[in-house]
């Protein structure tokens, strides 16, 4: 079994704040490593962002979290996504994305109503899966898992919350 790789270690104090500035700088530099984080800085189509936003809204309805204001540099992007969602997302797509999981076929049908064809939807799901926003084990999934390929988990926490543990 392969051990996880430790990228760096810094001593910090949550009481005094000592070392936090250095840790922030190190994390910011690490995020620039395209080998570790290939999606950072990538331009994302509004259709992908719409699916992510709708799934996020569904998660927040299920378990409201803290209302964190977007950083000023994200404000323009967030506004563009909000306008796109309001203009494009159908009531059916909104309702489907509010569910913890949905069938791929239902998602394809509702997405098609917004102008997102099956190929675009699959690319969006691959991206959102890679970034952790949704779970979808598409055509590249393990053999004999066709049932899993037909389900999109729009609220990944749902799987964890519903695990049955044997004593």
Foldseek 3Di string as FASTA:
>chain_A
DDDDDDPDDDDADPVPGPPVVVVVVVVVVVCVPCVVPVCPPPDDDLLLVLLLVLLVVLVCVVPNDDDDDDDPVCVVVVVVSVVCNVVQQDPQLSVQSSDQKDFLVSNQVRVVSRVQHSVNVVVSLVVCCVVPQKDAQAPVHDPPVVVSNGMIGRNVVVCVVPDDDDD
